Amino acid sequence: MLKAASLSGLDIARLEKDMADPSVTETLERNFQLQRALGIEGTPAVIVGTEFVPGAASLDTLKALVARARAQ
């Protein structure tokens, strides 16, 4: 991962410092807990409003999801 980050031009020293920040671990753990609670078992997965779409969603599907969420 660090090699890919370096090749893309990221500041590796800053990346490593940021990765060591406890808030990053806390945020990831909250996301994992939410994923488990929702029964999400793979990626990609999208939640828009109250709708859950497992797997890849087309642009038209995403637009429809957003439109429905805005209408609620």
PDB file of N, CA and C in Angstrom:
ATOM      1  N   MET A   1       0.822  -1.175   0.000  1.00  0.00           N
ATOM      2  CA  MET A   1       0.000   0.000   0.000  1.00  0.00           C
ATOM      3  C   MET A   1       0.876   1.252   0.000  1.00  0.00           C
ATOM      4  N   LEU A   2       1.910   1.228   0.817  1.00  0.00           N
ATOM      5  CA  LEU A   2       2.773   2.404   0.874  1.00  0.00           C
ATOM      6  C   LEU A   2       3.503   2.631  -0.445  1.00  0.00           C
ATOM      7  N   LYS A   3       3.862   1.541  -1.125  1.00  0.00           N
ATOM      8  CA  LYS A   3       4.530   1.687  -2.423  1.00  0.00           C
ATOM      9  C   LYS A   3       3.583   2.352  -3.429  1.00  0.00           C
ATOM     10  N   ALA A   4       2.343   1.896  -3.446  1.00  0.00           N
ATOM     11  CA  ALA A   4       1.356   2.492  -4.360  1.00  0.00           C
ATOM     12  C   ALA A   4       1.122   3.958  -4.012  1.00  0.00           C
ATOM     13  N   ALA A   5       1.061   4.261  -2.723  1.00  0.00           N
ATOM     14  CA  ALA A   5       0.874   5.644  -2.291  1.00  0.00           C
ATOM     15  C   ALA A   5       2.051   6.501  -2.724  1.00  0.00           C
ATOM     16  N   SER A   6       3.240   5.969  -2.576  1.00  0.00           N
ATOM     17  CA  SER A   6       4.443   6.706  -2.979  1.00  0.00           C
ATOM     18  C   SER A   6       4.460   6.953  -4.481  1.00  0.00           C
ATOM     19  N   LEU A   7       4.105   5.915  -5.229  1.00  0.00           N
ATOM     20  CA  LEU A   7       4.077   6.052  -6.688  1.00  0.00           C
ATOM     21  C   LEU A   7       3.042   7.075  -7.152  1.00  0.00           C
ATOM     22  N   SER A   8       1.991   7.270  -6.341  1.00  0.00           N
ATOM     23  CA  SER A   8       0.968   8.244  -6.727  1.00  0.00           C
ATOM     24  C   SER A   8       1.313   9.648  -6.253  1.00  0.00           C
ATOM     25  N   GLY A   9       2.462   9.798  -5.576  1.00  0.00           N
ATOM     26  CA  GLY A   9       2.924  11.120  -5.195  1.00  0.00           C
ATOM     27  C   GLY A   9       2.551  11.563  -3.791  1.00  0.00           C
ATOM     28  N   LEU A  10       1.997  10.671  -2.982  1.00  0.00           N
ATOM     29  CA  LEU A  10       1.637  11.057  -1.622  1.00  0.00           C
ATOM     30  C   LEU A  10       2.876  11.222  -0.743  1.00  0.00           C
ATOM     31  N   ASP A  11       2.765  12.062   0.245  1.00  0.00           N
ATOM     32  CA  ASP A  11       3.811  12.270   1.242  1.00  0.00           C
ATOM     33  C   ASP A  11       3.733  11.098   2.216  1.00  0.00           C
ATOM     34  N   ILE A  12       4.647  10.149   2.094  1.00  0.00           N
ATOM     35  CA  ILE A  12       4.601   8.918   2.874  1.00  0.00           C
ATOM     36  C   ILE A  12       4.763   9.191   4.371  1.00  0.00           C
ATOM     37  N   ALA A  13       5.635  10.098   4.744  1.00  0.00           N
ATOM     38  CA  ALA A  13       5.811  10.407   6.165  1.00  0.00           C
ATOM     39  C   ALA A  13       4.499  10.920   6.764  1.00  0.00           C
ATOM     40  N   ARG A  14       3.815  11.790   6.049  1.00  0.00           N
ATOM     41  CA  ARG A  14       2.537  12.309   6.547  1.00  0.00           C
ATOM     42  C   ARG A  14       1.484  11.209   6.563  1.00  0.00           C
ATOM     43  N   LEU A  15       1.471  10.375   5.536  1.00  0.00           N
ATOM     44  CA  LEU A  15       0.515   9.274   5.483  1.00  0.00           C
ATOM     45  C   LEU A  15       0.691   8.349   6.691  1.00  0.00           C
ATOM     46  N   GLU A  16       1.920   7.994   6.976  1.00  0.00           N
ATOM     47  CA  GLU A  16       2.187   7.107   8.116  1.00  0.00           C
ATOM     48  C   GLU A  16       1.786   7.775   9.433  1.00  0.00           C
ATOM     49  N   LYS A  17       2.039   9.073   9.559  1.00  0.00           N
ATOM     50  CA  LYS A  17       1.634   9.803  10.761  1.00  0.00           C
ATOM     51  C   LYS A  17       0.116   9.817  10.878  1.00  0.00           C
ATOM     52  N   ASP A  18      -0.561  10.127   9.783  1.00  0.00           N
ATOM     53  CA  ASP A  18      -2.021  10.164   9.794  1.00  0.00           C
ATOM     54  C   ASP A  18      -2.610   8.782  10.102  1.00  0.00           C
ATOM     55  N   MET A  19      -2.012   7.736   9.559  1.00  0.00           N
ATOM     56  CA  MET A  19      -2.493   6.381   9.799  1.00  0.00           C
ATOM     57  C   MET A  19      -2.368   5.995  11.271  1.00  0.00           C
ATOM     58  N   ALA A  20      -1.392   6.552  11.969  1.00  0.00           N
ATOM     59  CA  ALA A  20      -1.167   6.227  13.377  1.00  0.00           C
ATOM     60  C   ALA A  20      -2.097   6.996  14.312  1.00  0.00           C
ATOM     61  N   ASP A  21      -2.844   7.949  13.794  1.00  0.00           N
ATOM     62  CA  ASP A  21      -3.751   8.754  14.613  1.00  0.00           C
ATOM     63  C   ASP A  21      -4.878   7.858  15.145  1.00  0.00           C
ATOM     64  N   PRO A  22      -5.089   7.818  16.438  1.00  0.00           N
ATOM     65  CA  PRO A  22      -6.146   6.973  17.009  1.00  0.00           C
ATOM     66  C   PRO A  22      -7.535   7.265  16.451  1.00  0.00           C
ATOM     67  N   SER A  23      -7.779   8.487  16.020  1.00  0.00           N
ATOM     68  CA  SER A  23      -9.105   8.800  15.475  1.00  0.00           C
ATOM     69  C   SER A  23      -9.380   8.024  14.187  1.00  0.00           C
ATOM     70  N   VAL A  24      -8.335   7.687  13.440  1.00  0.00           N
ATOM     71  CA  VAL A  24      -8.512   6.889  12.225  1.00  0.00           C
ATOM     72  C   VAL A  24      -8.988   5.491  12.596  1.00  0.00           C
ATOM     73  N   THR A  25      -8.340   4.881  13.570  1.00  0.00           N
ATOM     74  CA  THR A  25      -8.736   3.547  14.027  1.00  0.00           C
ATOM     75  C   THR A  25     -10.158   3.569  14.573  1.00  0.00           C
ATOM     76  N   GLU A  26     -10.505   4.604  15.342  1.00  0.00           N
ATOM     77  CA  GLU A  26     -11.853   4.723  15.903  1.00  0.00           C
ATOM     78  C   GLU A  26     -12.906   4.836  14.795  1.00  0.00           C
ATOM     79  N   THR A  27     -12.618   5.641  13.800  1.00  0.00           N
ATOM     80  CA  THR A  27     -13.556   5.812  12.684  1.00  0.00           C
ATOM     81  C   THR A  27     -13.731   4.510  11.922  1.00  0.00           C
ATOM     82  N   LEU A  28     -12.638   3.820  11.645  1.00  0.00           N
ATOM     83  CA  LEU A  28     -12.727   2.538  10.946  1.00  0.00           C
ATOM     84  C   LEU A  28     -13.528   1.520  11.754  1.00  0.00           C
ATOM     85  N   GLU A  29     -13.308   1.480  13.051  1.00  0.00           N
ATOM     86  CA  GLU A  29     -14.042   0.540  13.902  1.00  0.00           C
ATOM     87  C   GLU A  29     -15.529   0.846  13.907  1.00  0.00           C
ATOM     88  N   ARG A  30     -15.905   2.126  13.970  1.00  0.00           N
ATOM     89  CA  ARG A  30     -17.331   2.492  13.900  1.00  0.00           C
ATOM     90  C   ARG A  30     -17.932   2.056  12.567  1.00  0.00           C
ATOM     91  N   ASN A  31     -17.185   2.237  11.489  1.00  0.00           N
ATOM     92  CA  ASN A  31     -17.676   1.825  10.175  1.00  0.00           C
ATOM     93  C   ASN A  31     -17.835   0.312  10.098  1.00  0.00           C
ATOM     94  N   PHE A  32     -16.883  -0.440  10.671  1.00  0.00           N
ATOM     95  CA  PHE A  32     -16.992  -1.902  10.680  1.00  0.00           C
ATOM     96  C   PHE A  32     -18.199  -2.352  11.497  1.00  0.00           C
ATOM     97  N   GLN A  33     -18.446  -1.688  12.634  1.00  0.00           N
ATOM     98  CA  GLN A  33     -19.608  -2.034  13.454  1.00  0.00           C
ATOM     99  C   GLN A  33     -20.904  -1.777  12.690  1.00  0.00           C
ATOM    100  N   LEU A  34     -20.981  -0.666  11.986  1.00  0.00           N
ATOM    101  CA  LEU A  34     -22.160  -0.347  11.186  1.00  0.00           C
ATOM    102  C   LEU A  34     -22.341  -1.368  10.072  1.00  0.00           C
ATOM    103  N   GLN A  35     -21.260  -1.711   9.413  1.00  0.00           N
ATOM    104  CA  GLN A  35     -21.307  -2.704   8.331  1.00  0.00           C
ATOM    105  C   GLN A  35     -21.850  -4.028   8.846  1.00  0.00           C
ATOM    106  N   ARG A  36     -21.371  -4.465  10.002  1.00  0.00           N
ATOM    107  CA  ARG A  36     -21.851  -5.721  10.574  1.00  0.00           C
ATOM    108  C   ARG A  36     -23.319  -5.609  10.983  1.00  0.00           C
ATOM    109  N   ALA A  37     -23.694  -4.492  11.593  1.00  0.00           N
ATOM    110  CA  ALA A  37     -25.078  -4.303  12.037  1.00  0.00           C
ATOM    111  C   ALA A  37     -26.052  -4.306  10.863  1.00  0.00           C
ATOM    112  N   LEU A  38     -25.620  -3.779   9.737  1.00  0.00           N
ATOM    113  CA  LEU A  38     -26.481  -3.721   8.551  1.00  0.00           C
ATOM    114  C   LEU A  38     -26.423  -4.988   7.703  1.00  0.00           C
ATOM    115  N   GLY A  39     -25.511  -5.885   8.054  1.00  0.00           N
ATOM    116  CA  GLY A  39     -25.381  -7.130   7.297  1.00  0.00           C
ATOM    117  C   GLY A  39     -24.731  -6.946   5.939  1.00  0.00           C
ATOM    118  N   ILE A  40     -23.930  -5.921   5.792  1.00  0.00           N
ATOM    119  CA  ILE A  40     -23.237  -5.683   4.531  1.00  0.00           C
ATOM    120  C   ILE A  40     -22.023  -6.603   4.484  1.00  0.00           C
ATOM    121  N   GLU A  41     -21.973  -7.451   3.469  1.00  0.00           N
ATOM    122  CA  GLU A  41     -20.921  -8.451   3.398  1.00  0.00           C
ATOM    123  C   GLU A  41     -19.939  -8.247   2.259  1.00  0.00           C
ATOM    124  N   GLY A  42     -20.083  -7.211   1.500  1.00  0.00           N
ATOM    125  CA  GLY A  42     -19.169  -7.018   0.377  1.00  0.00           C
ATOM    126  C   GLY A  42     -19.161  -5.582  -0.092  1.00  0.00           C
ATOM    127  N   THR A  43     -18.269  -5.326  -1.003  1.00  0.00           N
ATOM    128  CA  THR A  43     -18.186  -4.014  -1.616  1.00  0.00           C
ATOM    129  C   THR A  43     -18.248  -4.195  -3.119  1.00  0.00           C
ATOM    130  N   PRO A  44     -18.729  -3.242  -3.826  1.00  0.00           N
ATOM    131  CA  PRO A  44     -19.285  -1.994  -3.312  1.00  0.00           C
ATOM    132  C   PRO A  44     -20.675  -2.221  -2.723  1.00  0.00           C
ATOM    133  N   ALA A  45     -21.087  -1.290  -1.915  1.00  0.00           N
ATOM    134  CA  ALA A  45     -22.441  -1.230  -1.385  1.00  0.00           C
ATOM    135  C   ALA A  45     -22.766   0.252  -1.198  1.00  0.00           C
ATOM    136  N   VAL A  46     -24.005   0.607  -1.449  1.00  0.00           N
ATOM    137  CA  VAL A  46     -24.394   2.009  -1.391  1.00  0.00           C
ATOM    138  C   VAL A  46     -25.647   2.137  -0.535  1.00  0.00           C
ATOM    139  N   ILE A  47     -25.651   3.130   0.330  1.00  0.00           N
ATOM    140  CA  ILE A  47     -26.850   3.475   1.088  1.00  0.00           C
ATOM    141  C   ILE A  47     -27.165   4.925   0.764  1.00  0.00           C
ATOM    142  N   VAL A  48     -28.373   5.152   0.259  1.00  0.00           N
ATOM    143  CA  VAL A  48     -28.832   6.510  -0.030  1.00  0.00           C
ATOM    144  C   VAL A  48     -30.184   6.658   0.643  1.00  0.00           C
ATOM    145  N   GLY A  49     -30.251   7.584   1.571  1.00  0.00           N
ATOM    146  CA  GLY A  49     -31.493   7.726   2.332  1.00  0.00           C
ATOM    147  C   GLY A  49     -31.722   6.466   3.136  1.00  0.00           C
ATOM    148  N   THR A  50     -32.847   5.807   2.882  1.00  0.00           N
ATOM    149  CA  THR A  50     -33.163   4.564   3.585  1.00  0.00           C
ATOM    150  C   THR A  50     -32.978   3.336   2.706  1.00  0.00           C
ATOM    151  N   GLU A  51     -32.452   3.522   1.506  1.00  0.00           N
ATOM    152  CA  GLU A  51     -32.309   2.406   0.567  1.00  0.00           C
ATOM    153  C   GLU A  51     -30.885   1.878   0.536  1.00  0.00           C
ATOM    154  N   PHE A  52     -30.784   0.562   0.547  1.00  0.00           N
ATOM    155  CA  PHE A  52     -29.501  -0.134   0.502  1.00  0.00           C
ATOM    156  C   PHE A  52     -29.399  -0.890  -0.815  1.00  0.00           C
ATOM    157  N   VAL A  53     -28.289  -0.699  -1.521  1.00  0.00           N
ATOM    158  CA  VAL A  53     -28.055  -1.394  -2.780  1.00  0.00           C
ATOM    159  C   VAL A  53     -26.739  -2.158  -2.664  1.00  0.00           C
ATOM    160  N   PRO A  54     -26.811  -3.488  -2.554  1.00  0.00           N
ATOM    161  CA  PRO A  54     -25.571  -4.259  -2.531  1.00  0.00           C
ATOM    162  C   PRO A  54     -25.010  -4.367  -3.947  1.00  0.00           C
ATOM    163  N   GLY A  55     -23.725  -4.311  -4.065  1.00  0.00           N
ATOM    164  CA  GLY A  55     -23.109  -4.430  -5.384  1.00  0.00           C
ATOM    165  C   GLY A  55     -23.032  -3.085  -6.093  1.00  0.00           C
ATOM    166  N   ALA A  56     -22.530  -3.134  -7.296  1.00  0.00           N
ATOM    167  CA  ALA A  56     -22.351  -1.919  -8.087  1.00  0.00           C
ATOM    168  C   ALA A  56     -23.698  -1.366  -8.523  1.00  0.00           C
ATOM    169  N   ALA A  57     -23.794  -0.051  -8.548  1.00  0.00           N
ATOM    170  CA  ALA A  57     -25.012   0.624  -9.003  1.00  0.00           C
ATOM    171  C   ALA A  57     -24.661   1.517 -10.181  1.00  0.00           C
ATOM    172  N   SER A  58     -25.519   1.494 -11.187  1.00  0.00           N
ATOM    173  CA  SER A  58     -25.292   2.340 -12.356  1.00  0.00           C
ATOM    174  C   SER A  58     -25.548   3.797 -12.006  1.00  0.00           C
ATOM    175  N   LEU A  59     -25.089   4.679 -12.862  1.00  0.00           N
ATOM    176  CA  LEU A  59     -25.322   6.108 -12.656  1.00  0.00           C
ATOM    177  C   LEU A  59     -26.821   6.400 -12.619  1.00  0.00           C
ATOM    178  N   ASP A  60     -27.592   5.773 -13.499  1.00  0.00           N
ATOM    179  CA  ASP A  60     -29.044   5.993 -13.508  1.00  0.00           C
ATOM    180  C   ASP A  60     -29.670   5.540 -12.194  1.00  0.00           C
ATOM    181  N   THR A  61     -29.210   4.405 -11.655  1.00  0.00           N
ATOM    182  CA  THR A  61     -29.720   3.910 -10.376  1.00  0.00           C
ATOM    183  C   THR A  61     -29.385   4.891  -9.262  1.00  0.00           C
ATOM    184  N   LEU A  62     -28.149   5.383  -9.248  1.00  0.00           N
ATOM    185  CA  LEU A  62     -27.746   6.341  -8.219  1.00  0.00           C
ATOM    186  C   LEU A  62     -28.569   7.619  -8.306  1.00  0.00           C
ATOM    187  N   LYS A  63     -28.804   8.103  -9.519  1.00  0.00           N
ATOM    188  CA  LYS A  63     -29.621   9.311  -9.688  1.00  0.00           C
ATOM    189  C   LYS A  63     -31.037   9.088  -9.169  1.00  0.00           C
ATOM    190  N   ALA A  64     -31.600   7.913  -9.442  1.00  0.00           N
ATOM    191  CA  ALA A  64     -32.950   7.606  -8.975  1.00  0.00           C
ATOM    192  C   ALA A  64     -32.988   7.509  -7.454  1.00  0.00           C
ATOM    193  N   LEU A  65     -31.979   6.905  -6.862  1.00  0.00           N
ATOM    194  CA  LEU A  65     -31.904   6.805  -5.404  1.00  0.00           C
ATOM    195  C   LEU A  65     -31.852   8.194  -4.762  1.00  0.00           C
ATOM    196  N   VAL A  66     -31.031   9.055  -5.310  1.00  0.00           N
ATOM    197  CA  VAL A  66     -30.902  10.412  -4.769  1.00  0.00           C
ATOM    198  C   VAL A  66     -32.216  11.176  -4.937  1.00  0.00           C
ATOM    199  N   ALA A  67     -32.846  11.031  -6.085  1.00  0.00           N
ATOM    200  CA  ALA A  67     -34.122  11.723  -6.321  1.00  0.00           C
ATOM    201  C   ALA A  67     -35.173  11.262  -5.317  1.00  0.00           C
ATOM    202  N   ARG A  68     -35.252   9.948  -5.073  1.00  0.00           N
ATOM    203  CA  ARG A  68     -36.228   9.432  -4.096  1.00  0.00           C
ATOM    204  C   ARG A  68     -35.906   9.932  -2.683  1.00  0.00           C
ATOM    205  N   ALA A  69     -34.629   9.952  -2.331  1.00  0.00           N
ATOM    206  CA  ALA A  69     -34.241  10.419  -0.997  1.00  0.00           C
ATOM    207  C   ALA A  69     -34.577  11.897  -0.815  1.00  0.00           C
ATOM    208  N   ARG A  70     -34.377  12.678  -1.854  1.00  0.00           N
ATOM    209  CA  ARG A  70     -34.694  14.108  -1.775  1.00  0.00           C
ATOM    210  C   ARG A  70     -36.198  14.341  -1.674  1.00  0.00           C
ATOM    211  N   ALA A  71     -36.983  13.462  -2.269  1.00  0.00           N
ATOM    212  CA  ALA A  71     -38.435  13.614  -2.268  1.00  0.00           C
ATOM    213  C   ALA A  71     -39.063  13.248  -0.918  1.00  0.00           C
ATOM    214  N   GLN A  72     -38.337  12.561  -0.088  1.00  0.00           N
ATOM    215  CA  GLN A  72     -38.896  12.120   1.210  1.00  0.00           C
ATOM    216  C   GLN A  72     -38.933  13.223   2.213  1.00  0.00           C
TER     217      GLN A  72
END
